N, C-alpha and C. Protein backbone atom coordinates (compact mmCIF):
# COMPACT_ATOMS: atom_id res chain seq x y z
N MET A 1 0.85 -1.16 0.00
CA MET A 1 0.00 0.00 0.00
C MET A 1 0.90 1.23 0.00
N ASN A 2 0.52 2.23 -0.78
CA ASN A 2 1.30 3.46 -0.88
C ASN A 2 0.86 4.41 0.23
N THR A 3 1.80 4.78 1.12
CA THR A 3 1.46 5.66 2.24
C THR A 3 2.09 7.04 2.12
N GLU A 4 2.68 7.35 0.97
CA GLU A 4 3.28 8.66 0.80
C GLU A 4 2.21 9.71 0.57
N ARG A 5 2.56 10.95 0.92
CA ARG A 5 1.63 12.06 0.72
C ARG A 5 1.42 12.31 -0.76
N ASN A 6 0.25 12.81 -1.09
CA ASN A 6 -0.01 13.19 -2.46
C ASN A 6 0.84 14.41 -2.81
N PRO A 7 1.33 14.48 -4.01
CA PRO A 7 2.12 15.67 -4.38
C PRO A 7 1.24 16.91 -4.42
N GLU A 8 1.86 18.05 -4.15
CA GLU A 8 1.12 19.31 -4.18
C GLU A 8 0.71 19.61 -5.62
N PRO A 9 -0.45 20.21 -5.82
CA PRO A 9 -0.85 20.55 -7.18
C PRO A 9 0.07 21.63 -7.76
N HIS A 10 0.06 21.75 -9.06
CA HIS A 10 0.97 22.69 -9.71
C HIS A 10 0.55 24.14 -9.52
N TRP A 11 -0.66 24.40 -9.13
CA TRP A 11 -1.06 25.78 -8.83
C TRP A 11 -0.97 26.00 -7.32
N SER A 12 -0.81 27.23 -6.92
CA SER A 12 -0.57 27.51 -5.51
C SER A 12 -1.68 28.35 -4.89
N THR A 13 -2.89 28.25 -5.40
CA THR A 13 -3.99 29.00 -4.81
C THR A 13 -4.63 28.18 -3.71
N ARG A 14 -5.15 28.87 -2.73
CA ARG A 14 -5.80 28.17 -1.64
C ARG A 14 -7.21 27.76 -2.06
N PRO A 15 -7.78 26.74 -1.43
CA PRO A 15 -9.14 26.34 -1.78
C PRO A 15 -10.12 27.46 -1.46
N GLY A 16 -11.03 27.72 -2.36
CA GLY A 16 -12.03 28.75 -2.13
C GLY A 16 -11.58 30.14 -2.52
N ALA A 17 -10.44 30.29 -3.17
CA ALA A 17 -9.96 31.63 -3.54
C ALA A 17 -10.89 32.28 -4.55
N LEU A 18 -11.36 31.53 -5.53
CA LEU A 18 -12.27 32.08 -6.52
C LEU A 18 -13.61 32.43 -5.88
N THR A 19 -14.07 31.61 -4.96
CA THR A 19 -15.32 31.89 -4.27
C THR A 19 -15.21 33.17 -3.46
N GLY A 20 -14.10 33.37 -2.80
CA GLY A 20 -13.90 34.59 -2.03
C GLY A 20 -13.84 35.82 -2.91
N PHE A 21 -13.18 35.69 -4.07
CA PHE A 21 -13.10 36.81 -5.00
C PHE A 21 -14.49 37.17 -5.53
N LEU A 22 -15.26 36.17 -5.92
CA LEU A 22 -16.60 36.43 -6.43
C LEU A 22 -17.51 37.00 -5.35
N GLY A 23 -17.32 36.57 -4.11
CA GLY A 23 -18.10 37.12 -3.01
C GLY A 23 -17.79 38.58 -2.77
N GLY A 24 -16.53 38.93 -2.80
CA GLY A 24 -16.15 40.33 -2.65
C GLY A 24 -16.66 41.18 -3.79
N LEU A 25 -16.61 40.64 -4.99
CA LEU A 25 -17.11 41.35 -6.16
C LEU A 25 -18.62 41.56 -6.06
N ALA A 26 -19.35 40.54 -5.62
CA ALA A 26 -20.81 40.66 -5.48
C ALA A 26 -21.17 41.67 -4.40
N ALA A 27 -20.45 41.67 -3.29
CA ALA A 27 -20.73 42.62 -2.21
C ALA A 27 -20.45 44.05 -2.67
N ALA A 28 -19.37 44.24 -3.40
CA ALA A 28 -19.06 45.58 -3.91
C ALA A 28 -20.11 46.03 -4.93
N ALA A 29 -20.53 45.11 -5.80
CA ALA A 29 -21.56 45.45 -6.79
C ALA A 29 -22.87 45.81 -6.10
N GLY A 30 -23.20 45.09 -5.03
CA GLY A 30 -24.42 45.41 -4.29
C GLY A 30 -24.36 46.78 -3.65
N ALA A 31 -23.22 47.15 -3.11
CA ALA A 31 -23.07 48.49 -2.53
C ALA A 31 -23.20 49.56 -3.60
N ILE A 32 -22.63 49.31 -4.78
CA ILE A 32 -22.74 50.28 -5.87
C ILE A 32 -24.18 50.41 -6.34
N VAL A 33 -24.89 49.29 -6.44
CA VAL A 33 -26.30 49.33 -6.86
C VAL A 33 -27.11 50.14 -5.88
N ILE A 34 -26.89 49.96 -4.59
CA ILE A 34 -27.63 50.72 -3.59
C ILE A 34 -27.30 52.20 -3.69
N MET A 35 -26.03 52.55 -3.84
CA MET A 35 -25.66 53.97 -3.91
C MET A 35 -26.21 54.64 -5.16
N VAL A 36 -26.18 53.94 -6.29
CA VAL A 36 -26.66 54.53 -7.53
C VAL A 36 -28.18 54.70 -7.51
N ASN A 37 -28.89 53.70 -7.01
CA ASN A 37 -30.35 53.73 -7.04
C ASN A 37 -30.97 54.47 -5.87
N TYR A 38 -30.18 54.94 -4.93
CA TYR A 38 -30.74 55.61 -3.75
C TYR A 38 -31.37 56.95 -4.11
N GLN A 39 -30.88 57.60 -5.14
CA GLN A 39 -31.39 58.91 -5.53
C GLN A 39 -32.62 58.84 -6.43
N THR A 40 -32.96 57.68 -6.93
CA THR A 40 -34.10 57.55 -7.84
C THR A 40 -35.39 57.43 -7.04
N PRO A 41 -36.54 57.83 -7.65
CA PRO A 41 -37.82 57.77 -6.92
C PRO A 41 -38.22 56.35 -6.51
N GLY A 42 -38.04 55.37 -7.37
CA GLY A 42 -38.42 54.00 -7.04
C GLY A 42 -37.21 53.20 -6.60
N TYR A 43 -36.56 53.62 -5.53
CA TYR A 43 -35.30 52.98 -5.13
C TYR A 43 -35.49 51.67 -4.39
N GLU A 44 -36.73 51.26 -4.10
CA GLU A 44 -36.96 50.03 -3.33
C GLU A 44 -36.42 48.80 -4.05
N VAL A 45 -36.64 48.76 -5.38
CA VAL A 45 -36.17 47.60 -6.15
C VAL A 45 -34.64 47.54 -6.15
N GLY A 46 -34.00 48.67 -6.36
CA GLY A 46 -32.54 48.71 -6.35
C GLY A 46 -31.99 48.39 -4.97
N PHE A 47 -32.69 48.84 -3.93
CA PHE A 47 -32.26 48.53 -2.57
C PHE A 47 -32.36 47.03 -2.30
N PHE A 48 -33.42 46.40 -2.77
CA PHE A 48 -33.59 44.96 -2.58
C PHE A 48 -32.51 44.18 -3.33
N ILE A 49 -32.28 44.53 -4.59
CA ILE A 49 -31.27 43.82 -5.39
C ILE A 49 -29.87 44.02 -4.79
N GLY A 50 -29.57 45.24 -4.38
CA GLY A 50 -28.27 45.51 -3.76
C GLY A 50 -28.10 44.76 -2.46
N SER A 51 -29.17 44.68 -1.66
CA SER A 51 -29.10 43.95 -0.39
C SER A 51 -28.87 42.47 -0.62
N VAL A 52 -29.54 41.91 -1.61
CA VAL A 52 -29.35 40.49 -1.92
C VAL A 52 -27.91 40.24 -2.38
N LEU A 53 -27.36 41.14 -3.19
CA LEU A 53 -25.97 40.98 -3.63
C LEU A 53 -25.00 41.08 -2.47
N ILE A 54 -25.23 42.00 -1.55
CA ILE A 54 -24.33 42.15 -0.41
C ILE A 54 -24.39 40.93 0.49
N VAL A 55 -25.59 40.47 0.83
CA VAL A 55 -25.71 39.30 1.70
C VAL A 55 -25.14 38.06 1.03
N GLY A 56 -25.44 37.86 -0.24
CA GLY A 56 -24.89 36.71 -0.96
C GLY A 56 -23.38 36.77 -1.06
N GLY A 57 -22.84 37.96 -1.30
CA GLY A 57 -21.40 38.10 -1.37
C GLY A 57 -20.72 37.81 -0.05
N LEU A 58 -21.32 38.29 1.03
CA LEU A 58 -20.73 38.01 2.35
C LEU A 58 -20.80 36.52 2.69
N LEU A 59 -21.88 35.87 2.29
CA LEU A 59 -21.96 34.41 2.52
C LEU A 59 -20.91 33.66 1.72
N LEU A 60 -20.65 34.11 0.50
CA LEU A 60 -19.58 33.49 -0.29
C LEU A 60 -18.22 33.72 0.35
N ARG A 61 -17.99 34.90 0.91
CA ARG A 61 -16.72 35.18 1.59
C ARG A 61 -16.56 34.27 2.82
N ILE A 62 -17.66 34.04 3.55
CA ILE A 62 -17.60 33.16 4.72
C ILE A 62 -17.29 31.74 4.29
N GLU A 63 -17.93 31.28 3.20
CA GLU A 63 -17.65 29.94 2.70
C GLU A 63 -16.18 29.80 2.28
N SER A 64 -15.65 30.84 1.66
CA SER A 64 -14.25 30.82 1.26
C SER A 64 -13.33 30.71 2.47
N ALA A 65 -13.65 31.43 3.53
CA ALA A 65 -12.82 31.37 4.73
C ALA A 65 -12.88 29.99 5.37
N ILE A 66 -14.05 29.38 5.36
CA ILE A 66 -14.18 28.03 5.94
C ILE A 66 -13.40 27.02 5.12
N ARG A 67 -13.48 27.13 3.80
CA ARG A 67 -12.75 26.18 2.95
C ARG A 67 -11.24 26.32 3.09
N SER A 68 -10.77 27.55 3.29
CA SER A 68 -9.32 27.76 3.34
C SER A 68 -8.70 27.28 4.64
N THR A 69 -9.50 27.16 5.72
CA THR A 69 -8.92 26.71 6.98
C THR A 69 -8.63 25.21 6.95
N GLY A 70 -9.51 24.43 6.37
CA GLY A 70 -9.30 22.98 6.32
C GLY A 70 -9.43 22.35 7.70
N HIS A 71 -9.19 21.06 7.79
CA HIS A 71 -9.26 20.34 9.07
C HIS A 71 -7.85 19.96 9.48
N ARG A 72 -7.45 20.48 10.61
CA ARG A 72 -6.14 20.11 11.16
C ARG A 72 -6.38 19.25 12.38
N PRO A 73 -5.96 17.98 12.34
CA PRO A 73 -6.25 17.10 13.48
C PRO A 73 -5.52 17.56 14.73
N SER A 74 -6.23 17.53 15.82
CA SER A 74 -5.62 17.87 17.10
C SER A 74 -5.07 16.59 17.75
N THR A 75 -4.52 16.70 18.94
CA THR A 75 -3.97 15.52 19.61
C THR A 75 -5.08 14.55 19.99
N ARG A 76 -6.28 15.07 20.26
CA ARG A 76 -7.38 14.18 20.59
C ARG A 76 -7.85 13.39 19.37
N ASP A 77 -7.72 13.98 18.17
CA ASP A 77 -8.15 13.29 16.95
C ASP A 77 -7.19 12.21 16.49
N SER A 78 -5.94 12.27 16.95
CA SER A 78 -4.93 11.34 16.43
C SER A 78 -5.06 9.94 17.00
N GLY A 79 -5.82 9.77 18.06
CA GLY A 79 -6.01 8.46 18.63
C GLY A 79 -4.92 8.05 19.61
N ASP A 80 -4.01 8.94 19.97
CA ASP A 80 -2.97 8.63 20.94
C ASP A 80 -3.48 8.91 22.34
N GLY A 81 -3.85 7.94 23.03
CA GLY A 81 -4.20 8.17 24.42
C GLY A 81 -5.53 7.76 24.70
């Protein structure tokens, strides 16, 4: 049985990097939508769309942070003791 570690992939990005980037982009776009539509008479629709983009973007950023941490076994997980 082969017990060696798997080789590192040829790219050096962390898991969830694209998700974090898209989340930040969505949150920024939502803030811009709210700022642009705030001066218009029917700003409720723009406020709703901007709010959805901000919340969705922040959730994507949270998912990216969770993916990048990974699982690091502690001493209790190793089965020693």
